[in-house]
Protein backbone atom coordinates (compact mmCIF):
# COMPACT_ATOMS: atom_id res chain seq x y z
CA MET A 1 13.06 13.30 -30.04
CA GLN A 2 10.01 12.68 -32.22
CA LEU A 3 6.40 13.12 -31.10
CA VAL A 4 3.88 11.22 -33.21
CA VAL A 5 0.42 12.79 -33.11
CA VAL A 6 -2.20 10.15 -33.80
CA PRO A 7 -4.78 11.78 -36.12
CA ALA A 8 -8.07 12.86 -34.57
CA PRO A 9 -11.20 13.80 -36.56
CA GLY A 10 -12.27 17.34 -37.40
CA PRO A 11 -11.06 20.66 -36.02
CA LEU A 12 -10.02 19.06 -32.74
CA GLY A 13 -7.36 17.07 -34.57
CA SER A 14 -5.90 20.25 -36.04
CA ALA A 15 -6.00 21.94 -32.64
CA LEU A 16 -4.23 18.97 -31.05
CA LEU A 17 -1.44 19.12 -33.63
CA ALA A 18 -1.03 22.88 -33.18
CA ALA A 19 -0.93 22.55 -29.37
CA THR A 20 1.66 19.77 -29.57
CA GLU A 21 3.83 21.87 -31.89
CA HIS A 22 3.48 24.86 -29.55
CA ALA A 23 4.52 22.77 -26.52
CA ALA A 24 7.44 21.23 -28.41
CA GLN A 25 8.72 24.65 -29.43
CA ARG A 26 8.51 26.01 -25.87
CA TRP A 27 10.36 23.04 -24.38
CA HIS A 28 12.91 23.18 -27.22
CA GLU A 29 13.62 26.78 -26.30
CA ALA A 30 14.04 25.75 -22.64
CA THR A 31 16.16 22.63 -23.13
CA GLY A 32 17.85 22.92 -26.52
CA LEU A 33 16.51 19.48 -27.47
CA GLU A 34 15.27 19.02 -31.02
CA ILE A 35 11.63 17.94 -30.64
CA VAL A 36 10.08 16.99 -33.99
CA VAL A 37 6.28 16.74 -34.21
CA ARG A 38 4.72 14.73 -37.01
CA VAL A 39 1.36 13.20 -37.86
CA GLU A 40 1.33 9.50 -38.71
CA PRO A 41 -1.94 8.78 -40.60
CA GLY A 42 -1.86 5.02 -40.07
CA ALA A 43 -0.83 5.12 -36.42
CA PRO A 44 -3.12 3.05 -34.16
CA PRO A 45 -4.56 4.98 -31.20
CA ARG A 46 -2.78 2.75 -28.71
CA VAL A 47 -0.43 3.39 -25.82
CA SER A 48 2.29 0.78 -25.63
CA GLU A 49 6.04 0.30 -25.53
CA ASP A 50 6.41 0.35 -29.29
CA GLY A 51 9.47 2.52 -29.78
CA ARG A 52 7.65 5.78 -30.47
CA THR A 53 6.42 8.63 -28.31
CA SER A 54 2.76 9.18 -29.20
CA VAL A 55 0.09 11.78 -28.48
CA VAL A 56 -3.31 10.06 -28.45
CA LEU A 57 -6.76 11.64 -28.10
CA ARG A 58 -9.10 9.22 -26.32
CA THR A 59 -12.63 9.72 -27.66
CA ARG A 60 -14.39 6.43 -26.86
CA ARG A 61 -13.02 5.06 -23.60
CA TRP A 62 -10.82 6.79 -21.04
CA CYS A 63 -9.11 3.50 -20.23
CA PRO A 64 -5.83 1.69 -20.92
CA ASP A 65 -5.68 -0.51 -23.99
CA ASP A 66 -5.16 -3.50 -21.70
CA PRO A 67 -8.72 -4.50 -20.65
CA SER A 68 -7.43 -6.10 -17.46
CA LEU A 69 -6.40 -2.69 -16.11
CA PRO A 70 -8.83 -0.23 -14.48
CA CYS A 71 -9.96 2.86 -16.36
CA HIS A 72 -8.28 6.19 -15.78
CA ASP A 73 -9.48 8.82 -13.32
CA PRO A 74 -12.28 10.69 -15.18
CA SER A 75 -11.30 13.98 -13.52
CA ARG A 76 -7.91 14.00 -15.30
CA HIS A 77 -7.56 15.93 -18.53
CA ALA A 78 -4.53 13.90 -19.58
CA LEU A 79 -2.00 11.24 -18.56
CA THR A 80 1.60 10.54 -19.56
CA GLN A 81 3.09 7.05 -19.55
CA LEU A 82 6.87 6.77 -19.18
CA TYR A 83 8.97 3.72 -20.11
CA THR A 84 12.37 3.72 -18.42
CA ARG A 85 15.40 1.55 -17.71
CA PRO A 86 18.16 1.97 -15.14
CA VAL A 87 21.44 3.68 -15.88
CA ALA A 88 24.35 1.28 -15.40
CA GLY A 89 26.27 2.01 -12.23
CA ASN A 90 23.77 4.55 -10.91
CA PRO A 91 20.69 3.12 -9.17
CA LYS A 92 19.36 6.63 -8.50
CA ALA A 93 18.74 7.49 -12.13
CA ALA A 94 17.04 6.00 -15.17
CA GLU A 95 16.98 6.59 -18.89
CA ILE A 96 13.64 7.54 -20.43
CA LEU A 97 13.21 5.29 -23.46
CA GLU A 98 9.86 6.60 -24.65
CA ALA A 99 6.62 8.08 -23.40
CA ASP A 100 3.00 8.31 -24.48
CA ILE A 101 0.52 11.11 -23.84
CA GLU A 102 -3.21 10.42 -23.61
CA LEU A 103 -5.81 13.22 -23.65
CA ASN A 104 -9.28 12.74 -22.23
CA ALA A 105 -11.92 13.62 -24.85
CA VAL A 106 -14.40 11.24 -23.24
CA HIS A 107 -15.22 13.35 -20.18
CA PHE A 108 -14.12 16.75 -21.52
CA ASP A 109 -15.29 18.74 -24.54
CA TRP A 110 -12.02 20.40 -25.49
CA GLN A 111 -13.65 22.84 -27.86
CA ALA A 112 -15.89 24.09 -25.04
CA LEU A 113 -13.01 24.57 -22.59
CA PRO A 114 -11.41 28.03 -22.19
CA PRO A 115 -8.90 29.22 -24.81
CA HIS A 116 -5.39 27.74 -24.62
CA SER A 117 -6.58 24.68 -22.69
CA LEU A 118 -4.89 22.27 -25.08
CA ASP A 119 -1.74 24.40 -25.05
CA ALA A 120 -1.63 24.31 -21.26
CA VAL A 121 -2.18 20.57 -21.04
CA LEU A 122 0.36 19.69 -23.74
CA LEU A 123 2.96 21.93 -22.06
CA HIS A 124 2.31 20.06 -18.84
CA GLU A 125 2.40 16.56 -20.31
CA LEU A 126 5.49 17.20 -22.41
CA GLY A 127 7.19 18.30 -19.19
CA HIS A 128 6.51 14.77 -17.89
CA VAL A 129 7.90 13.28 -21.12
CA LEU A 130 11.14 15.17 -20.48
CA GLY A 131 11.33 13.98 -16.86
CA LEU A 132 9.70 16.67 -14.73
CA GLU A 133 7.35 15.80 -11.89
CA HIS A 134 4.51 17.76 -10.27
CA THR A 135 5.28 20.83 -8.21
CA CYS A 136 3.07 19.73 -5.32
CA ASN A 137 1.73 16.59 -3.69
CA ALA A 138 -1.73 15.73 -5.00
CA SER A 139 -2.45 12.96 -2.48
CA SER A 140 -2.84 13.34 1.28
CA LEU A 141 -1.80 9.67 1.56
CA LEU A 142 1.73 10.32 0.31
CA GLU A 143 4.60 11.96 2.12
CA ARG A 144 7.08 13.31 -0.40
CA VAL A 145 10.24 15.36 -0.14
CA ASP A 146 12.26 17.29 -2.68
CA GLN A 147 15.92 16.74 -3.59
CA ARG A 148 16.99 18.62 -0.46
CA GLY A 149 14.79 16.56 1.85
CA ALA A 150 12.22 19.32 2.41
CA PRO A 151 8.54 18.26 2.44
CA VAL A 152 6.71 18.73 -0.86
CA PRO A 153 3.68 20.96 -0.17
CA ARG A 154 0.19 19.56 -0.50
CA CYS A 155 -1.48 21.01 -3.57
CA GLY A 156 -4.35 22.51 -1.59
CA GLU A 157 -1.91 24.21 0.77
CA ALA A 158 0.83 25.18 -1.67
CA ALA A 159 1.80 28.80 -2.20
CA PRO A 160 0.22 30.61 -5.17
CA GLY A 161 3.56 30.62 -6.98
CA VAL A 162 3.66 26.83 -6.87
CA ARG A 163 0.03 26.38 -7.88
CA ALA A 164 0.48 28.75 -10.83
CA THR A 165 3.06 26.58 -12.62
CA SER A 166 1.93 24.31 -15.42
CA MET A 167 3.39 21.27 -13.67
CA TYR A 168 0.58 21.51 -11.12
CA PRO A 169 -1.41 18.23 -11.24
CA ASP A 170 -4.29 19.85 -13.11
CA PRO A 171 -2.91 22.52 -15.46
CA LEU A 172 -6.36 24.03 -16.01
CA GLU A 173 -7.19 24.60 -12.35
CA PRO A 174 -4.74 27.28 -11.08
CA VAL A 175 -5.30 29.76 -13.90
CA ALA A 176 -8.63 29.99 -15.72
CA GLY A 177 -8.11 28.68 -19.22
CA GLY A 178 -4.64 27.39 -18.52
CA ARG A 179 -1.31 28.99 -19.34
CA ALA A 180 0.24 28.75 -22.79
CA GLU A 181 3.79 29.63 -21.71
CA LEU A 182 6.32 27.99 -19.40
CA SER A 183 7.06 29.57 -16.06
CA ASP A 184 10.55 30.89 -15.29
CA ASP A 185 11.37 27.96 -13.01
CA GLU A 186 10.28 25.44 -15.66
CA ARG A 187 12.49 27.05 -18.28
CA GLN A 188 15.43 27.12 -15.90
CA ALA A 189 14.87 23.53 -14.77
CA GLY A 190 14.71 22.36 -18.38
CA ALA A 191 17.90 24.21 -19.25
CA GLU A 192 19.80 22.73 -16.30
CA LEU A 193 18.50 19.19 -16.76
CA TYR A 194 19.66 19.03 -20.37
CA ALA A 195 22.69 21.31 -20.25
CA HIS A 196 25.18 18.39 -20.35
CA THR A 197 23.07 15.75 -22.09
CA ALA A 198 23.89 14.49 -25.59
CA PRO A 199 21.23 15.46 -28.18
CA GLY A 200 18.24 13.16 -28.08
CA LEU A 201 19.32 11.33 -24.91
CA ALA A 202 17.19 11.87 -21.83
CA ARG A 203 19.02 10.40 -18.87
CA LEU A 204 16.81 11.68 -16.14
CA ALA A 205 15.39 10.39 -12.89
CA ALA A 206 12.08 8.53 -13.21
CA LEU A 207 9.42 7.51 -10.73
CA SER A 208 10.10 4.60 -8.40
CA PRO A 209 8.51 1.21 -9.21
CA ASN A 210 5.68 1.76 -6.72
CA GLY A 211 4.85 5.09 -8.35
CA LEU A 212 5.33 7.14 -5.19
CA GLY A 213 8.79 8.47 -5.82
CA THR A 214 11.75 9.58 -3.71
CA PRO A 215 14.14 12.46 -4.36
CA ALA A 216 16.81 12.05 -6.99
CA LEU A 217 20.38 13.27 -6.62
CA LEU A 218 20.77 13.46 -10.40
CA ALA A 219 24.32 12.16 -10.23
CA VAL A 220 24.26 11.27 -13.94
CA LEU A 221 23.81 14.89 -14.93
CA GLY A 222 25.51 16.39 -11.93
CA LEU A 223 22.64 18.85 -11.63
CA GLY A 224 20.07 19.97 -9.12
CA CYS A 225 16.39 20.57 -9.74
CA MET A 226 15.32 24.19 -9.83
CA SER A 227 12.72 25.83 -7.64
CA SER A 228 9.59 23.77 -7.03
CA LEU A 229 10.08 21.13 -9.74
CA TRP A 230 10.67 17.64 -8.36
CA LEU A 231 12.06 14.44 -9.82
CA ALA A 232 11.99 10.88 -8.50
CA ARG A 233 14.07 7.78 -9.03
CA SER A 234 13.82 4.24 -10.34
CA ARG A 235 15.84 1.09 -9.57
CA ARG A 236 14.67 -1.10 -12.45
CA ARG A 237 13.00 -0.87 -15.83
CA SER A 238 9.58 0.54 -15.15
CA ARG A 239 6.33 1.61 -16.75
CA THR A 240 4.96 4.55 -14.85
CA PRO A 241 1.85 6.68 -15.44
CA HIS A 242 1.87 10.37 -14.53
CA GLY A 243 -1.56 11.71 -13.65
CA GLY A 244 -2.24 15.05 -15.25
């Protein structure tokens, strides 16, 4: 897997590259996947299905490149966009083709945030790129269950151990300044998800077309999902944003 960091001006650009490299190394240690981070000087700061997985710092507008779409939630530090297609013969799983990470430098001054904020957010977003979902339910309008059928806890009511993981919807909220290392359950989930996957191939479950998600059985990998990390499924090629 290659992550293309779109250049950003000044010290923030260097910090973004360092945080992306840090996150890639931590997830490499957890999954065994080779995750190569590189800067592409001529890369346009766009998020699209263009065959590359990009990390883009939004400095002017916290909005999709498509002007017909509404702008992103200003309270979110970052978003990850997944592009998936179904796995032949298994409607409960999908292959992640590529993903793009957007960071919100319109509503947040990253250099004024607590130390390790970029590290925490990139760890979180790269978890989405690899197929992990949030550890709790951010919306009171959704009823979600895990792979065993148990209700996913609401984020405001979740146990401290759930809120403390970096896959919480806002990685800067549970622990002041964020957390620069993966939790034990994240490392174990990453190891199990990719234990029997060919290098560079991410056949994971992805969100359903309506973006709400239902539990995946992970028949392609023959694996379960560890602890409080949830996955969802897709029945057709989809383009799905992950908030925070």
